[in-house]
Amino acid sequence: MSTALPPAVIALQDELSKMPGVGRKGALRMAMHLLKSDREEVVHLAKAVMDVKDKVKICSICGFISDRDPCPICTDAKRQDGIVCVVEQPGDVIALEKGGIFRGRYHVLGGALSPLDNVGPDELRIRELIDRIEPEGIKEIIVATNPTPEGEQTGFYLSKLMRPRGVNVSRIARGIPVGADLENADDLTLTRALEGRVKFED
C-alpha cells in the first residue's frame, strides 16, 4: 500500500473485520464511514455497543437474549406449556417470533453438534434442556435446528436422548432449503415448516 493508514484506522479495521461476514475491505469501508461521521454519531454507536454488553443477558432458562432474567417469553403465562422449540441461536427465536408463528416455549442450544469443530454435547445447552423436562412438564420438543449436516445430527442426538424420557421429538418440515439458516427464512416458510413437522425416525 503506497499510503500507510494511521494506526488508529488499522486497529479499528482489525476489530471490525472480526465481525461475522465482514472482510477486511468491508471493515475498512466501515472504518472510513465512521471517520467521516459526526463525533456525536460515533459516541451514540459506542454507547449502543456498550449497552448491549452491559444490559443484555442470556436467559438462564431458555438461553435467549433479554434485559432481564428470566426473559419475557419464559415468564409469559399465555404461552403454551409442555412444548418447546429447540433452535441453534437467539436469531432463530427472533425469526420465529417475528410473525407470531409459535406460541410455546423455546430453548437455545448455542450452536449445533460438530465433531470437526470440537463442538460436542457438553459445549451446547443440552443438559439445561434435560433439566427443564420434569419441572415444566415438557411433552414435545420441536427441533428447529438449521437444515445442515450439523443441525440434522443434533436433531437425531436429541431424539435418542429424549425418547427414554417420554418426550416426543419432531423436526420442522423441509420448507427450509438445505443449507439455509432459519433466521433468513420468511414467515410463510417458517409457518409451513412448523405446521408440517414430523416425528424423528430411527
C-alpha atoms as a PDB file:
ATOM      1  CA  MET A   1       0.000   0.000   0.000  1.00  0.00           C
ATOM      2  CA  SER A   2       1.546   3.291  -1.105  1.00  0.00           C
ATOM      3  CA  THR A   3      -0.020   5.377   1.669  1.00  0.00           C
ATOM      4  CA  ALA A   4       0.155   3.881   5.148  1.00  0.00           C
ATOM      5  CA  LEU A   5      -3.079   4.073   7.094  1.00  0.00           C
ATOM      6  CA  PRO A   6      -2.951   5.685  10.523  1.00  0.00           C
ATOM      7  CA  PRO A   7      -2.543   3.073  13.278  1.00  0.00           C
ATOM      8  CA  ALA A   8      -5.930   4.006  14.773  1.00  0.00           C
ATOM      9  CA  VAL A   9      -7.685   3.233  11.473  1.00  0.00           C
ATOM     10  CA  ILE A  10      -5.839  -0.070  11.128  1.00  0.00           C
ATOM     11  CA  ALA A  11      -6.790  -1.013  14.691  1.00  0.00           C
ATOM     12  CA  LEU A  12     -10.442  -0.217  14.007  1.00  0.00           C
ATOM     13  CA  GLN A  13     -10.324  -2.185  10.748  1.00  0.00           C
ATOM     14  CA  ASP A  14      -8.844  -5.153  12.633  1.00  0.00           C
ATOM     15  CA  GLU A  15     -11.643  -5.090  15.213  1.00  0.00           C
ATOM     16  CA  LEU A  16     -14.440  -4.636  12.683  1.00  0.00           C
ATOM     17  CA  SER A  17     -13.124  -7.476  10.495  1.00  0.00           C
ATOM     18  CA  LYS A  18     -13.713  -9.858  13.415  1.00  0.00           C
ATOM     19  CA  MET A  19     -17.469  -9.407  12.917  1.00  0.00           C
ATOM     20  CA  PRO A  20     -19.278 -12.307  11.157  1.00  0.00           C
ATOM     21  CA  GLY A  21     -19.487 -11.778   7.416  1.00  0.00           C
ATOM     22  CA  VAL A  22     -17.196  -8.733   7.450  1.00  0.00           C
ATOM     23  CA  GLY A  23     -13.956  -8.989   5.489  1.00  0.00           C
ATOM     24  CA  ARG A  24     -11.053  -6.558   5.672  1.00  0.00           C
ATOM     25  CA  LYS A  25     -12.308  -4.476   2.735  1.00  0.00           C
ATOM     26  CA  GLY A  26     -15.755  -4.144   4.281  1.00  0.00           C
ATOM     27  CA  ALA A  27     -14.185  -3.349   7.641  1.00  0.00           C
ATOM     28  CA  LEU A  28     -12.116  -0.585   6.059  1.00  0.00           C
ATOM     29  CA  ARG A  29     -15.237   0.904   4.439  1.00  0.00           C
ATOM     30  CA  MET A  30     -16.954   0.919   7.845  1.00  0.00           C
ATOM     31  CA  ALA A  31     -13.912   2.494   9.452  1.00  0.00           C
ATOM     32  CA  MET A  32     -13.796   5.237   6.809  1.00  0.00           C
ATOM     33  CA  HIS A  33     -17.542   5.843   7.265  1.00  0.00           C
ATOM     34  CA  LEU A  34     -17.050   6.273  11.000  1.00  0.00           C
ATOM     35  CA  LEU A  35     -14.128   8.599  10.358  1.00  0.00           C
ATOM     36  CA  LYS A  36     -16.367  10.855   8.244  1.00  0.00           C
ATOM     37  CA  SER A  37     -19.281  10.695  10.699  1.00  0.00           C
ATOM     38  CA  ASP A  38     -20.012  13.347  13.299  1.00  0.00           C
ATOM     39  CA  ARG A  39     -18.439  12.679  16.691  1.00  0.00           C
ATOM     40  CA  GLU A  40     -21.922  12.561  18.224  1.00  0.00           C
ATOM     41  CA  GLU A  41     -22.955   9.717  15.886  1.00  0.00           C
ATOM     42  CA  VAL A  42     -19.853   7.729  16.808  1.00  0.00           C
ATOM     43  CA  VAL A  43     -20.488   8.313  20.512  1.00  0.00           C
ATOM     44  CA  HIS A  44     -24.067   7.037  20.086  1.00  0.00           C
ATOM     45  CA  LEU A  45     -22.741   3.936  18.323  1.00  0.00           C
ATOM     46  CA  ALA A  46     -20.162   3.309  21.033  1.00  0.00           C
ATOM     47  CA  LYS A  47     -22.838   3.717  23.727  1.00  0.00           C
ATOM     48  CA  ALA A  48     -25.160   1.293  21.939  1.00  0.00           C
ATOM     49  CA  VAL A  49     -22.368  -1.304  21.779  1.00  0.00           C
ATOM     50  CA  MET A  50     -21.569  -0.880  25.484  1.00  0.00           C
ATOM     51  CA  ASP A  51     -25.262  -1.014  26.423  1.00  0.00           C
ATOM     52  CA  VAL A  52     -25.587  -4.363  24.655  1.00  0.00           C
ATOM     53  CA  LYS A  53     -22.677  -5.733  26.679  1.00  0.00           C
ATOM     54  CA  ASP A  54     -23.801  -4.195  29.974  1.00  0.00           C
ATOM     55  CA  LYS A  55     -27.591  -4.585  29.836  1.00  0.00           C
ATOM     56  CA  VAL A  56     -28.377  -7.643  27.726  1.00  0.00           C
ATOM     57  CA  LYS A  57     -28.307 -11.026  29.451  1.00  0.00           C
ATOM     58  CA  ILE A  58     -28.700 -14.639  28.439  1.00  0.00           C
ATOM     59  CA  CYS A  59     -31.870 -16.121  29.934  1.00  0.00           C
ATOM     60  CA  SER A  60     -30.861 -18.791  32.442  1.00  0.00           C
ATOM     61  CA  ILE A  61     -33.869 -20.918  31.429  1.00  0.00           C
ATOM     62  CA  CYS A  62     -34.074 -20.847  27.633  1.00  0.00           C
ATOM     63  CA  GLY A  63     -30.813 -19.187  26.547  1.00  0.00           C
ATOM     64  CA  PHE A  64     -32.487 -16.343  24.641  1.00  0.00           C
ATOM     65  CA  ILE A  65     -31.273 -12.744  24.975  1.00  0.00           C
ATOM     66  CA  SER A  66     -33.114 -10.302  27.214  1.00  0.00           C
ATOM     67  CA  ASP A  67     -32.653  -7.335  29.509  1.00  0.00           C
ATOM     68  CA  ARG A  68     -33.967  -9.412  32.387  1.00  0.00           C
ATOM     69  CA  ASP A  69     -33.673 -12.961  33.645  1.00  0.00           C
ATOM     70  CA  PRO A  70     -35.848 -14.980  33.141  1.00  0.00           C
ATOM     71  CA  CYS A  71     -36.783 -13.486  29.776  1.00  0.00           C
ATOM     72  CA  PRO A  72     -40.318 -12.277  28.898  1.00  0.00           C
ATOM     73  CA  ILE A  73     -41.010 -15.418  26.847  1.00  0.00           C
ATOM     74  CA  CYS A  74     -40.241 -17.728  29.767  1.00  0.00           C
ATOM     75  CA  THR A  75     -42.395 -15.671  32.132  1.00  0.00           C
ATOM     76  CA  ASP A  76     -45.343 -15.232  29.734  1.00  0.00           C
ATOM     77  CA  ALA A  77     -48.301 -17.047  31.290  1.00  0.00           C
ATOM     78  CA  LYS A  78     -50.130 -17.048  27.927  1.00  0.00           C
ATOM     79  CA  ARG A  79     -47.525 -19.307  26.348  1.00  0.00           C
ATOM     80  CA  GLN A  80     -48.390 -22.939  25.724  1.00  0.00           C
ATOM     81  CA  ASP A  81     -46.700 -25.145  28.296  1.00  0.00           C
ATOM     82  CA  GLY A  82     -45.343 -28.589  27.609  1.00  0.00           C
ATOM     83  CA  ILE A  83     -43.975 -27.851  24.134  1.00  0.00           C
ATOM     84  CA  VAL A  84     -40.501 -26.463  23.460  1.00  0.00           C
ATOM     85  CA  CYS A  85     -38.966 -25.413  20.160  1.00  0.00           C
ATOM     86  CA  VAL A  86     -35.210 -26.062  20.140  1.00  0.00           C
ATOM     87  CA  VAL A  87     -33.083 -23.765  17.992  1.00  0.00           C
ATOM     88  CA  GLU A  88     -29.394 -23.125  17.492  1.00  0.00           C
ATOM     89  CA  GLN A  89     -29.078 -19.376  18.071  1.00  0.00           C
ATOM     90  CA  PRO A  90     -31.064 -16.439  19.529  1.00  0.00           C
ATOM     91  CA  GLY A  91     -31.587 -15.114  15.982  1.00  0.00           C
ATOM     92  CA  ASP A  92     -33.708 -18.184  15.247  1.00  0.00           C
ATOM     93  CA  VAL A  93     -36.081 -17.272  18.088  1.00  0.00           C
ATOM     94  CA  ILE A  94     -36.368 -13.762  16.668  1.00  0.00           C
ATOM     95  CA  ALA A  95     -37.275 -15.217  13.246  1.00  0.00           C
ATOM     96  CA  LEU A  96     -39.996 -17.445  14.717  1.00  0.00           C
ATOM     97  CA  GLU A  97     -41.358 -14.704  16.964  1.00  0.00           C
ATOM     98  CA  LYS A  98     -41.497 -12.128  14.184  1.00  0.00           C
ATOM     99  CA  GLY A  99     -44.706 -13.490  12.718  1.00  0.00           C
ATOM    100  CA  GLY A 100     -46.208 -14.926  15.909  1.00  0.00           C
ATOM    101  CA  ILE A 101     -45.647 -18.349  14.381  1.00  0.00           C
ATOM    102  CA  PHE A 102     -45.004 -20.339  17.550  1.00  0.00           C
ATOM    103  CA  ARG A 103     -46.674 -19.821  20.934  1.00  0.00           C
ATOM    104  CA  GLY A 104     -44.872 -22.410  23.034  1.00  0.00           C
ATOM    105  CA  ARG A 105     -41.519 -22.083  24.784  1.00  0.00           C
ATOM    106  CA  TYR A 106     -38.006 -22.072  23.345  1.00  0.00           C
ATOM    107  CA  HIS A 107     -34.597 -23.491  24.098  1.00  0.00           C
ATOM    108  CA  VAL A 108     -31.452 -22.068  22.505  1.00  0.00           C
ATOM    109  CA  LEU A 109     -28.622 -24.594  22.252  1.00  0.00           C
ATOM    110  CA  GLY A 110     -25.926 -22.102  21.339  1.00  0.00           C
ATOM    111  CA  GLY A 111     -24.905 -23.998  18.216  1.00  0.00           C
ATOM    112  CA  ALA A 112     -25.051 -27.485  16.729  1.00  0.00           C
ATOM    113  CA  LEU A 113     -23.041 -30.671  17.179  1.00  0.00           C
ATOM    114  CA  SER A 114     -19.893 -30.508  15.066  1.00  0.00           C
ATOM    115  CA  PRO A 115     -17.155 -33.002  15.960  1.00  0.00           C
ATOM    116  CA  LEU A 116     -14.786 -31.473  13.395  1.00  0.00           C
ATOM    117  CA  ASP A 117     -15.033 -28.157  15.250  1.00  0.00           C
ATOM    118  CA  ASN A 118     -14.807 -29.850  18.661  1.00  0.00           C
ATOM    119  CA  VAL A 119     -18.412 -28.976  19.462  1.00  0.00           C
ATOM    120  CA  GLY A 120     -19.902 -31.864  21.415  1.00  0.00           C
ATOM    121  CA  PRO A 121     -22.935 -32.166  23.716  1.00  0.00           C
ATOM    122  CA  ASP A 122     -21.037 -30.575  26.601  1.00  0.00           C
ATOM    123  CA  GLU A 123     -20.444 -27.414  24.556  1.00  0.00           C
ATOM    124  CA  LEU A 124     -24.173 -26.947  23.939  1.00  0.00           C
ATOM    125  CA  ARG A 125     -27.045 -26.219  26.335  1.00  0.00           C
ATOM    126  CA  ILE A 126     -28.341 -29.795  26.204  1.00  0.00           C
ATOM    127  CA  ARG A 127     -28.069 -30.537  29.932  1.00  0.00           C
ATOM    128  CA  GLU A 128     -30.111 -27.385  30.604  1.00  0.00           C
ATOM    129  CA  LEU A 129     -32.799 -28.719  28.255  1.00  0.00           C
ATOM    130  CA  ILE A 130     -32.925 -32.067  30.054  1.00  0.00           C
ATOM    131  CA  ASP A 131     -33.211 -30.263  33.377  1.00  0.00           C
ATOM    132  CA  ARG A 132     -36.350 -28.470  32.133  1.00  0.00           C
ATOM    133  CA  ILE A 133     -38.318 -31.600  31.194  1.00  0.00           C
ATOM    134  CA  GLU A 134     -39.741 -32.621  34.556  1.00  0.00           C
ATOM    135  CA  PRO A 135     -40.264 -29.184  36.196  1.00  0.00           C
ATOM    136  CA  GLU A 136     -42.011 -27.798  33.095  1.00  0.00           C
ATOM    137  CA  GLY A 137     -43.840 -30.982  32.144  1.00  0.00           C
ATOM    138  CA  ILE A 138     -42.386 -30.964  28.645  1.00  0.00           C
ATOM    139  CA  LYS A 139     -44.175 -33.479  26.398  1.00  0.00           C
ATOM    140  CA  GLU A 140     -42.951 -32.417  22.961  1.00  0.00           C
ATOM    141  CA  ILE A 141     -39.758 -30.944  21.609  1.00  0.00           C
ATOM    142  CA  ILE A 142     -39.726 -29.460  18.123  1.00  0.00           C
ATOM    143  CA  VAL A 143     -36.226 -29.496  16.695  1.00  0.00           C
ATOM    144  CA  ALA A 144     -35.784 -26.386  14.566  1.00  0.00           C
ATOM    145  CA  THR A 145     -32.062 -26.584  14.026  1.00  0.00           C
ATOM    146  CA  ASN A 146     -30.776 -25.421  10.651  1.00  0.00           C
ATOM    147  CA  PRO A 147     -31.065 -27.938   7.761  1.00  0.00           C
ATOM    148  CA  THR A 148     -27.333 -28.621   7.674  1.00  0.00           C
ATOM    149  CA  PRO A 149     -25.482 -31.881   8.435  1.00  0.00           C
ATOM    150  CA  GLU A 150     -24.646 -30.467  11.871  1.00  0.00           C
ATOM    151  CA  GLY A 151     -28.239 -29.423  12.507  1.00  0.00           C
ATOM    152  CA  GLU A 152     -29.586 -32.818  11.432  1.00  0.00           C
ATOM    153  CA  GLN A 153     -27.051 -34.628  13.592  1.00  0.00           C
ATOM    154  CA  THR A 154     -28.080 -32.509  16.556  1.00  0.00           C
ATOM    155  CA  GLY A 155     -31.729 -33.346  15.957  1.00  0.00           C
ATOM    156  CA  PHE A 156     -31.108 -37.095  15.858  1.00  0.00           C
ATOM    157  CA  TYR A 157     -28.997 -36.875  19.003  1.00  0.00           C
ATOM    158  CA  LEU A 158     -31.776 -35.054  20.845  1.00  0.00           C
ATOM    159  CA  SER A 159     -34.348 -37.558  19.612  1.00  0.00           C
ATOM    160  CA  LYS A 160     -32.404 -40.508  21.025  1.00  0.00           C
ATOM    161  CA  LEU A 161     -31.753 -38.617  24.236  1.00  0.00           C
ATOM    162  CA  MET A 162     -35.391 -37.664  24.818  1.00  0.00           C
ATOM    163  CA  ARG A 163     -37.204 -40.854  23.819  1.00  0.00           C
ATOM    164  CA  PRO A 164     -36.378 -42.751  27.067  1.00  0.00           C
ATOM    165  CA  ARG A 165     -37.640 -39.712  28.978  1.00  0.00           C
ATOM    166  CA  GLY A 166     -41.090 -39.979  27.411  1.00  0.00           C
ATOM    167  CA  VAL A 167     -40.749 -36.816  25.313  1.00  0.00           C
ATOM    168  CA  ASN A 168     -41.966 -36.775  21.698  1.00  0.00           C
ATOM    169  CA  VAL A 169     -39.398 -35.237  19.391  1.00  0.00           C
ATOM    170  CA  SER A 170     -40.379 -33.853  15.987  1.00  0.00           C
ATOM    171  CA  ARG A 171     -38.471 -31.790  13.470  1.00  0.00           C
ATOM    172  CA  ILE A 172     -39.714 -28.959  11.309  1.00  0.00           C
ATOM    173  CA  ALA A 173     -40.673 -29.921   7.752  1.00  0.00           C
ATOM    174  CA  ARG A 174     -38.414 -29.402   4.756  1.00  0.00           C
ATOM    175  CA  GLY A 175     -39.803 -25.986   3.905  1.00  0.00           C
ATOM    176  CA  ILE A 176     -36.390 -24.572   4.826  1.00  0.00           C
ATOM    177  CA  PRO A 177     -33.889 -25.055   1.976  1.00  0.00           C
ATOM    178  CA  VAL A 178     -30.976 -27.362   2.798  1.00  0.00           C
ATOM    179  CA  GLY A 179     -28.004 -25.338   3.964  1.00  0.00           C
ATOM    180  CA  ALA A 180     -30.088 -22.246   4.763  1.00  0.00           C
ATOM    181  CA  ASP A 181     -30.277 -20.529   8.131  1.00  0.00           C
ATOM    182  CA  LEU A 182     -33.574 -20.418   9.974  1.00  0.00           C
ATOM    183  CA  GLU A 183     -33.256 -16.699  10.704  1.00  0.00           C
ATOM    184  CA  ASN A 184     -33.167 -15.901   6.962  1.00  0.00           C
ATOM    185  CA  ALA A 185     -36.412 -17.731   6.125  1.00  0.00           C
ATOM    186  CA  ASP A 186     -39.656 -15.831   5.532  1.00  0.00           C
ATOM    187  CA  ASP A 187     -42.685 -16.100   7.835  1.00  0.00           C
ATOM    188  CA  LEU A 188     -44.752 -18.268   5.467  1.00  0.00           C
ATOM    189  CA  THR A 189     -41.945 -20.783   5.017  1.00  0.00           C
ATOM    190  CA  LEU A 190     -41.422 -20.987   8.767  1.00  0.00           C
ATOM    191  CA  THR A 191     -45.143 -21.412   9.401  1.00  0.00           C
ATOM    192  CA  ARG A 192     -45.398 -24.284   6.924  1.00  0.00           C
ATOM    193  CA  ALA A 193     -42.251 -25.875   8.301  1.00  0.00           C
ATOM    194  CA  LEU A 194     -43.667 -25.831  11.836  1.00  0.00           C
ATOM    195  CA  GLU A 195     -47.132 -26.991  10.856  1.00  0.00           C
ATOM    196  CA  GLY A 196     -45.710 -29.836   8.767  1.00  0.00           C
ATOM    197  CA  ARG A 197     -43.316 -31.091  11.427  1.00  0.00           C
ATOM    198  CA  VAL A 198     -42.691 -34.828  11.514  1.00  0.00           C
ATOM    199  CA  LYS A 199     -41.531 -37.251  14.185  1.00  0.00           C
ATOM    200  CA  PHE A 200     -37.948 -38.427  14.160  1.00  0.00           C
ATOM    201  CA  GLU A 201     -37.453 -41.975  12.993  1.00  0.00           C
ATOM    202  CA  ASP A 202     -34.610 -44.269  13.998  1.00  0.00           C
END
